[in-house]
Amino acid sequence: MIAPCHVYSSVAMATAPPIRVLVAKPGLDGHDRGAKVIARALRDAGMEVIYTGLRQTPEMIVNAALQEDVDCIGLSILSGAHNAIIPRVAALLKERGAEDILLILGGTIPEQDAPALKAAGVAAIFGPGTPLETTVDFIRSHVKPRSVAL
């Protein structure tokens, strides 16, 4: 007896590629526990995570984001340098034609700084104590879908 044969179309089998997120620690901030916790939570949620490590310049972050073809950049800042670093990252994304990359920020960001950061291009700011699922859900709902490669 011949076993039944199932033919699966590549279109039917194709699934959307995972969301790619670059997590970076810009500036001279040497504390990366929060960034590592976020990176792991995103990975556990099925996202591909590229963690660049400590002391990244805006240029290094944007270059890595473009080379890795990411959907989202998550920056973790505890040093207070967010008002200088974030506008530079956003400007570089614009210069490179990559404004479609979702830019989010985490760390100790004073509420009074949020409007200027959002005007610069930050989609969301997640402060200390934000549930990990809140960040995961935000990224999932705000990343533009990619086409499926056949």
N, C-alpha and C. Protein backbone atom coordinates (compact mmCIF):
# COMPACT_ATOMS: atom_id res chain seq x y z
N MET A 1 0.84 -1.17 0.00
CA MET A 1 0.00 0.00 0.00
C MET A 1 0.88 1.24 0.00
N ILE A 2 0.51 2.21 -0.80
CA ILE A 2 1.28 3.45 -0.90
C ILE A 2 0.75 4.44 0.14
N ALA A 3 1.67 5.03 0.86
CA ALA A 3 1.28 6.02 1.88
C ALA A 3 0.75 7.28 1.20
N PRO A 4 -0.24 7.92 1.81
CA PRO A 4 -0.76 9.15 1.22
C PRO A 4 0.32 10.22 1.14
N CYS A 5 0.26 11.00 0.10
CA CYS A 5 1.25 12.06 -0.13
C CYS A 5 0.58 13.41 0.10
N HIS A 6 1.22 14.25 0.85
CA HIS A 6 0.70 15.60 1.09
C HIS A 6 1.64 16.60 0.43
N VAL A 7 1.08 17.46 -0.35
CA VAL A 7 1.88 18.50 -1.00
C VAL A 7 1.55 19.81 -0.33
N TYR A 8 2.58 20.47 0.14
CA TYR A 8 2.41 21.76 0.81
C TYR A 8 2.99 22.85 -0.06
N SER A 9 2.19 23.81 -0.34
CA SER A 9 2.64 24.95 -1.13
C SER A 9 3.60 25.79 -0.28
N SER A 10 4.61 26.36 -0.94
CA SER A 10 5.52 27.25 -0.21
C SER A 10 4.78 28.47 0.32
N VAL A 11 3.73 28.87 -0.37
CA VAL A 11 2.94 30.01 0.10
C VAL A 11 2.20 29.63 1.37
N ALA A 12 1.63 28.43 1.39
CA ALA A 12 0.89 28.00 2.56
C ALA A 12 1.82 27.78 3.75
N MET A 13 3.05 27.35 3.49
CA MET A 13 3.98 27.06 4.57
C MET A 13 4.73 28.31 5.05
N ALA A 14 4.70 29.35 4.26
CA ALA A 14 5.46 30.55 4.61
C ALA A 14 4.84 31.23 5.83
N THR A 15 5.69 31.68 6.69
CA THR A 15 5.24 32.45 7.85
C THR A 15 6.00 33.76 7.85
N ALA A 16 5.43 34.72 8.51
CA ALA A 16 6.09 36.02 8.59
C ALA A 16 7.42 35.88 9.32
N PRO A 17 8.45 36.55 8.84
CA PRO A 17 9.73 36.48 9.54
C PRO A 17 9.62 37.13 10.91
N PRO A 18 10.45 36.70 11.85
CA PRO A 18 10.37 37.30 13.18
C PRO A 18 10.77 38.77 13.17
N ILE A 19 10.23 39.49 14.10
CA ILE A 19 10.61 40.89 14.28
C ILE A 19 12.06 40.92 14.74
N ARG A 20 12.84 41.81 14.12
CA ARG A 20 14.26 41.95 14.47
C ARG A 20 14.45 43.24 15.25
N VAL A 21 15.03 43.12 16.44
CA VAL A 21 15.21 44.26 17.34
C VAL A 21 16.68 44.40 17.70
N LEU A 22 17.18 45.61 17.56
CA LEU A 22 18.54 45.93 18.01
C LEU A 22 18.41 46.60 19.37
N VAL A 23 19.07 46.05 20.38
CA VAL A 23 19.09 46.64 21.72
C VAL A 23 20.48 47.20 21.94
N ALA A 24 20.56 48.46 22.35
CA ALA A 24 21.86 49.10 22.51
C ALA A 24 21.90 49.97 23.76
N LYS A 25 23.11 50.13 24.27
CA LYS A 25 23.38 51.01 25.41
C LYS A 25 24.27 52.15 24.90
N PRO A 26 23.66 53.28 24.56
CA PRO A 26 24.46 54.39 24.03
C PRO A 26 25.15 55.20 25.13
N GLY A 27 26.19 55.87 24.72
CA GLY A 27 26.88 56.77 25.64
C GLY A 27 27.79 56.04 26.60
N LEU A 28 28.09 56.72 27.70
CA LEU A 28 29.06 56.21 28.66
C LEU A 28 28.43 55.40 29.78
N ASP A 29 27.15 55.14 29.70
CA ASP A 29 26.45 54.37 30.71
C ASP A 29 27.01 52.95 30.75
N GLY A 30 27.42 52.50 31.92
CA GLY A 30 28.03 51.18 32.05
C GLY A 30 27.13 50.15 32.69
N HIS A 31 25.85 50.45 32.86
CA HIS A 31 24.92 49.52 33.50
C HIS A 31 24.02 48.91 32.45
N ASP A 32 24.14 47.60 32.24
CA ASP A 32 23.38 46.98 31.16
C ASP A 32 22.45 45.86 31.59
N ARG A 33 22.21 45.72 32.90
CA ARG A 33 21.32 44.65 33.34
C ARG A 33 19.93 44.79 32.73
N GLY A 34 19.37 45.99 32.75
CA GLY A 34 18.04 46.21 32.18
C GLY A 34 17.98 45.89 30.70
N ALA A 35 19.00 46.29 29.96
CA ALA A 35 19.05 46.01 28.52
C ALA A 35 19.09 44.50 28.28
N LYS A 36 19.83 43.78 29.10
CA LYS A 36 19.92 42.33 28.95
C LYS A 36 18.60 41.65 29.30
N VAL A 37 17.90 42.17 30.31
CA VAL A 37 16.59 41.62 30.68
C VAL A 37 15.61 41.83 29.53
N ILE A 38 15.60 43.03 28.96
CA ILE A 38 14.71 43.32 27.83
C ILE A 38 15.07 42.44 26.63
N ALA A 39 16.35 42.32 26.34
CA ALA A 39 16.78 41.50 25.20
C ALA A 39 16.30 40.06 25.37
N ARG A 40 16.40 39.54 26.55
CA ARG A 40 15.95 38.16 26.79
C ARG A 40 14.43 38.04 26.67
N ALA A 41 13.70 39.02 27.20
CA ALA A 41 12.24 38.98 27.11
C ALA A 41 11.79 39.04 25.65
N LEU A 42 12.44 39.86 24.85
CA LEU A 42 12.08 39.97 23.44
C LEU A 42 12.39 38.65 22.72
N ARG A 43 13.54 38.08 23.03
CA ARG A 43 13.91 36.80 22.44
C ARG A 43 12.91 35.72 22.83
N ASP A 44 12.55 35.69 24.12
CA ASP A 44 11.59 34.69 24.59
C ASP A 44 10.22 34.88 23.95
N ALA A 45 9.93 36.10 23.48
CA ALA A 45 8.66 36.39 22.80
C ALA A 45 8.74 36.07 21.31
N GLY A 46 9.85 35.50 20.86
CA GLY A 46 9.98 35.07 19.47
C GLY A 46 10.64 36.07 18.55
N MET A 47 11.18 37.13 19.09
CA MET A 47 11.86 38.13 18.26
C MET A 47 13.34 37.77 18.14
N GLU A 48 13.94 38.21 17.05
CA GLU A 48 15.38 38.10 16.91
C GLU A 48 15.99 39.35 17.51
N VAL A 49 16.94 39.17 18.41
CA VAL A 49 17.52 40.30 19.13
C VAL A 49 19.01 40.38 18.86
N ILE A 50 19.45 41.57 18.52
CA ILE A 50 20.87 41.85 18.35
C ILE A 50 21.23 42.81 19.47
N TYR A 51 22.10 42.39 20.38
CA TYR A 51 22.52 43.26 21.48
C TYR A 51 23.92 43.76 21.18
N THR A 52 24.07 45.08 21.06
CA THR A 52 25.35 45.65 20.66
C THR A 52 26.31 45.86 21.82
N GLY A 53 25.81 45.83 23.03
CA GLY A 53 26.68 46.02 24.18
C GLY A 53 26.76 47.47 24.62
N LEU A 54 27.72 47.71 25.49
CA LEU A 54 27.88 49.02 26.15
C LEU A 54 28.61 50.03 25.27
N ARG A 55 28.42 51.28 25.63
CA ARG A 55 29.18 52.43 25.11
C ARG A 55 29.13 52.57 23.59
N GLN A 56 27.92 52.52 23.05
CA GLN A 56 27.72 52.65 21.62
C GLN A 56 27.47 54.11 21.25
N THR A 57 28.06 54.55 20.16
CA THR A 57 27.79 55.90 19.65
C THR A 57 26.51 55.85 18.79
N PRO A 58 25.86 56.99 18.58
CA PRO A 58 24.71 56.99 17.68
C PRO A 58 25.05 56.42 16.30
N GLU A 59 26.23 56.74 15.80
CA GLU A 59 26.65 56.24 14.49
C GLU A 59 26.78 54.72 14.50
N MET A 60 27.36 54.18 15.55
CA MET A 60 27.51 52.73 15.66
C MET A 60 26.14 52.05 15.72
N ILE A 61 25.21 52.65 16.45
CA ILE A 61 23.87 52.07 16.60
C ILE A 61 23.15 52.05 15.26
N VAL A 62 23.14 53.17 14.57
CA VAL A 62 22.42 53.25 13.29
C VAL A 62 23.08 52.35 12.25
N ASN A 63 24.40 52.33 12.20
CA ASN A 63 25.08 51.44 11.25
C ASN A 63 24.73 49.97 11.53
N ALA A 64 24.74 49.58 12.79
CA ALA A 64 24.40 48.20 13.13
C ALA A 64 22.95 47.89 12.78
N ALA A 65 22.05 48.84 13.03
CA ALA A 65 20.63 48.64 12.72
C ALA A 65 20.43 48.42 11.22
N LEU A 66 21.13 49.19 10.42
CA LEU A 66 21.00 49.04 8.96
C LEU A 66 21.65 47.75 8.48
N GLN A 67 22.81 47.43 9.00
CA GLN A 67 23.49 46.19 8.60
C GLN A 67 22.68 44.96 8.99
N GLU A 68 22.01 45.02 10.12
CA GLU A 68 21.24 43.88 10.61
C GLU A 68 19.79 43.88 10.10
N ASP A 69 19.42 44.92 9.36
CA ASP A 69 18.08 45.03 8.79
C ASP A 69 17.00 44.85 9.87
N VAL A 70 17.10 45.66 10.93
CA VAL A 70 16.17 45.53 12.05
C VAL A 70 14.88 46.30 11.80
N ASP A 71 13.86 45.88 12.54
CA ASP A 71 12.56 46.54 12.50
C ASP A 71 12.43 47.57 13.61
N CYS A 72 13.23 47.41 14.66
CA CYS A 72 13.10 48.24 15.85
C CYS A 72 14.46 48.43 16.49
N ILE A 73 14.68 49.63 17.02
CA ILE A 73 15.86 49.92 17.83
C ILE A 73 15.35 50.24 19.23
N GLY A 74 15.86 49.52 20.22
CA GLY A 74 15.54 49.79 21.61
C GLY A 74 16.79 50.27 22.32
N LEU A 75 16.73 51.50 22.81
CA LEU A 75 17.88 52.08 23.50
C LEU A 75 17.60 52.14 24.99
N SER A 76 18.60 51.80 25.78
CA SER A 76 18.49 51.83 27.22
C SER A 76 19.48 52.87 27.74
N ILE A 77 18.94 53.90 28.40
CA ILE A 77 19.80 54.97 28.88
C ILE A 77 19.49 55.26 30.35
N LEU A 78 20.53 55.21 31.16
CA LEU A 78 20.40 55.54 32.57
C LEU A 78 21.28 56.73 32.95
N SER A 79 22.10 57.18 32.02
CA SER A 79 23.13 58.17 32.33
C SER A 79 22.65 59.61 32.30
N GLY A 80 21.47 59.87 31.75
CA GLY A 80 20.99 61.24 31.63
C GLY A 80 21.38 61.90 30.32
N ALA A 81 22.01 61.17 29.41
CA ALA A 81 22.47 61.73 28.14
C ALA A 81 21.43 61.61 27.03
N HIS A 82 20.21 61.25 27.37
CA HIS A 82 19.17 61.00 26.37
C HIS A 82 18.85 62.21 25.51
N ASN A 83 18.92 63.42 26.06
CA ASN A 83 18.58 64.62 25.27
C ASN A 83 19.62 64.94 24.20
N ALA A 84 20.81 64.40 24.34
CA ALA A 84 21.84 64.59 23.31
C ALA A 84 21.90 63.40 22.35
N ILE A 85 21.77 62.19 22.89
CA ILE A 85 21.95 60.98 22.09
C ILE A 85 20.75 60.67 21.20
N ILE A 86 19.56 60.74 21.76
CA ILE A 86 18.37 60.32 21.01
C ILE A 86 18.12 61.18 19.78
N PRO A 87 18.18 62.51 19.87
CA PRO A 87 18.00 63.30 18.64
C PRO A 87 19.04 62.98 17.57
N ARG A 88 20.26 62.64 17.98
CA ARG A 88 21.30 62.28 17.02
C ARG A 88 20.97 60.95 16.33
N VAL A 89 20.52 59.97 17.10
CA VAL A 89 20.14 58.68 16.51
C VAL A 89 19.00 58.90 15.51
N ALA A 90 17.99 59.66 15.92
CA ALA A 90 16.84 59.92 15.04
C ALA A 90 17.27 60.65 13.77
N ALA A 91 18.17 61.62 13.91
CA ALA A 91 18.65 62.37 12.74
C ALA A 91 19.42 61.45 11.79
N LEU A 92 20.23 60.57 12.33
CA LEU A 92 20.98 59.63 11.49
C LEU A 92 20.04 58.66 10.77
N LEU A 93 19.00 58.20 11.45
CA LEU A 93 18.02 57.33 10.79
C LEU A 93 17.37 58.07 9.63
N LYS A 94 17.04 59.33 9.84
CA LYS A 94 16.41 60.12 8.78
C LYS A 94 17.38 60.32 7.62
N GLU A 95 18.63 60.68 7.93
CA GLU A 95 19.64 60.89 6.89
C GLU A 95 19.84 59.63 6.04
N ARG A 96 19.73 58.47 6.66
CA ARG A 96 19.98 57.21 5.97
C ARG A 96 18.70 56.62 5.37
N GLY A 97 17.59 57.37 5.44
CA GLY A 97 16.33 56.90 4.87
C GLY A 97 15.72 55.73 5.62
N ALA A 98 15.95 55.68 6.92
CA ALA A 98 15.49 54.56 7.73
C ALA A 98 14.52 54.98 8.83
N GLU A 99 13.72 56.00 8.56
CA GLU A 99 12.77 56.47 9.57
C GLU A 99 11.70 55.44 9.88
N ASP A 100 11.58 54.41 9.03
CA ASP A 100 10.58 53.37 9.27
C ASP A 100 10.99 52.41 10.38
N ILE A 101 12.24 52.47 10.84
CA ILE A 101 12.66 51.64 11.97
C ILE A 101 12.06 52.24 13.24
N LEU A 102 11.31 51.43 13.95
CA LEU A 102 10.68 51.86 15.20
C LEU A 102 11.77 52.15 16.22
N LEU A 103 11.72 53.33 16.84
CA LEU A 103 12.71 53.74 17.83
C LEU A 103 12.03 53.85 19.18
N ILE A 104 12.47 53.02 20.13
CA ILE A 104 11.92 53.07 21.48
C ILE A 104 13.04 53.29 22.48
N LEU A 105 12.66 53.74 23.66
CA LEU A 105 13.63 54.13 24.67
C LEU A 105 13.22 53.59 26.02
N GLY A 106 14.18 53.12 26.78
CA GLY A 106 13.94 52.68 28.13
C GLY A 106 15.00 53.25 29.06
N GLY A 107 14.67 53.31 30.32
CA GLY A 107 15.62 53.80 31.30
C GLY A 107 15.00 54.87 32.18
N THR A 108 15.86 55.61 32.82
CA THR A 108 15.42 56.66 33.73
C THR A 108 15.33 57.98 32.96
N ILE A 109 14.16 58.22 32.40
CA ILE A 109 13.93 59.40 31.58
C ILE A 109 12.91 60.29 32.31
N PRO A 110 13.28 61.50 32.68
CA PRO A 110 12.33 62.38 33.35
C PRO A 110 11.12 62.68 32.46
N GLU A 111 9.94 62.71 33.07
CA GLU A 111 8.70 62.95 32.31
C GLU A 111 8.76 64.23 31.49
N GLN A 112 9.41 65.27 32.02
CA GLN A 112 9.44 66.54 31.29
C GLN A 112 10.27 66.46 30.01
N ASP A 113 11.10 65.44 29.86
CA ASP A 113 11.90 65.27 28.65
C ASP A 113 11.16 64.48 27.55
N ALA A 114 10.10 63.80 27.93
CA ALA A 114 9.39 62.92 26.99
C ALA A 114 8.86 63.64 25.76
N PRO A 115 8.21 64.80 25.87
CA PRO A 115 7.67 65.43 24.65
C PRO A 115 8.74 65.74 23.59
N ALA A 116 9.89 66.23 24.01
CA ALA A 116 10.95 66.54 23.05
C ALA A 116 11.51 65.26 22.42
N LEU A 117 11.63 64.21 23.21
CA LEU A 117 12.14 62.94 22.68
C LEU A 117 11.17 62.35 21.67
N LYS A 118 9.88 62.44 21.98
CA LYS A 118 8.88 61.92 21.04
C LYS A 118 8.83 62.77 19.78
N ALA A 119 9.02 64.08 19.92
CA ALA A 119 9.06 64.95 18.74
C ALA A 119 10.27 64.62 17.87
N ALA A 120 11.35 64.13 18.50
CA ALA A 120 12.56 63.76 17.76
C ALA A 120 12.40 62.44 17.02
N GLY A 121 11.39 61.63 17.39
CA GLY A 121 11.17 60.38 16.69
C GLY A 121 11.01 59.15 17.55
N VAL A 122 11.04 59.30 18.86
CA VAL A 122 10.86 58.16 19.76
C VAL A 122 9.39 57.78 19.79
N ALA A 123 9.09 56.52 19.52
CA ALA A 123 7.70 56.06 19.49
C ALA A 123 7.15 55.83 20.89
N ALA A 124 8.00 55.39 21.81
CA ALA A 124 7.55 55.11 23.18
C ALA A 124 8.73 55.14 24.13
N ILE A 125 8.42 55.47 25.38
CA ILE A 125 9.43 55.49 26.44
C ILE A 125 8.93 54.57 27.55
N PHE A 126 9.77 53.60 27.93
CA PHE A 126 9.43 52.64 28.96
C PHE A 126 10.34 52.86 30.16
N GLY A 127 9.76 53.31 31.24
CA GLY A 127 10.54 53.59 32.45
C GLY A 127 10.70 52.38 33.33
N PRO A 128 11.43 52.57 34.43
CA PRO A 128 11.62 51.47 35.38
C PRO A 128 10.27 50.94 35.87
N GLY A 129 10.19 49.63 35.97
CA GLY A 129 8.97 49.00 36.45
C GLY A 129 7.95 48.69 35.38
N THR A 130 8.21 49.08 34.14
CA THR A 130 7.29 48.75 33.05
C THR A 130 7.27 47.23 32.87
N PRO A 131 6.08 46.62 32.86
CA PRO A 131 6.04 45.16 32.64
C PRO A 131 6.65 44.81 31.28
N LEU A 132 7.41 43.73 31.24
CA LEU A 132 8.06 43.31 30.00
C LEU A 132 7.05 43.08 28.90
N GLU A 133 5.89 42.54 29.23
CA GLU A 133 4.87 42.27 28.24
C GLU A 133 4.36 43.56 27.58
N THR A 134 4.39 44.66 28.31
CA THR A 134 3.98 45.95 27.74
C THR A 134 4.91 46.34 26.59
N THR A 135 6.20 46.16 26.80
CA THR A 135 7.17 46.47 25.75
C THR A 135 7.01 45.52 24.57
N VAL A 136 6.88 44.23 24.84
CA VAL A 136 6.70 43.23 23.79
C VAL A 136 5.46 43.57 22.96
N ASP A 137 4.35 43.83 23.63
CA ASP A 137 3.09 44.14 22.92
C ASP A 137 3.21 45.41 22.09
N PHE A 138 3.89 46.42 22.63
CA PHE A 138 4.06 47.66 21.88
C PHE A 138 4.84 47.42 20.59
N ILE A 139 5.93 46.70 20.70
CA ILE A 139 6.74 46.43 19.51
C ILE A 139 5.92 45.65 18.48
N ARG A 140 5.25 44.60 18.93
CA ARG A 140 4.45 43.79 18.01
C ARG A 140 3.38 44.61 17.30
N SER A 141 2.78 45.54 18.01
CA SER A 141 1.67 46.30 17.40
C SER A 141 2.14 47.51 16.59
N HIS A 142 3.40 47.89 16.70
CA HIS A 142 3.87 49.08 15.99
C HIS A 142 4.91 48.84 14.90
N VAL A 143 5.47 47.64 14.85
CA VAL A 143 6.41 47.33 13.77
C VAL A 143 5.62 47.08 12.51
N LYS A 144 6.08 47.68 11.43
CA LYS A 144 5.44 47.47 10.13
C LYS A 144 5.75 46.06 9.66
N PRO A 145 4.72 45.34 9.18
CA PRO A 145 4.96 43.94 8.75
C PRO A 145 5.92 43.88 7.55
N ARG A 146 6.75 42.85 7.56
CA ARG A 146 7.66 42.60 6.43
C ARG A 146 6.99 41.68 5.46
N SER A 147 7.46 41.71 4.24
CA SER A 147 6.93 40.76 3.26
C SER A 147 7.53 39.39 3.53
N VAL A 148 6.81 38.37 3.16
CA VAL A 148 7.27 37.00 3.35
C VAL A 148 8.06 36.58 2.12
N ALA A 149 9.28 36.10 2.34
CA ALA A 149 10.10 35.61 1.23
C ALA A 149 9.60 34.24 0.81
N LEU A 150 9.46 34.06 -0.48
CA LEU A 150 8.98 32.76 -0.99
C LEU A 150 10.11 31.99 -1.60
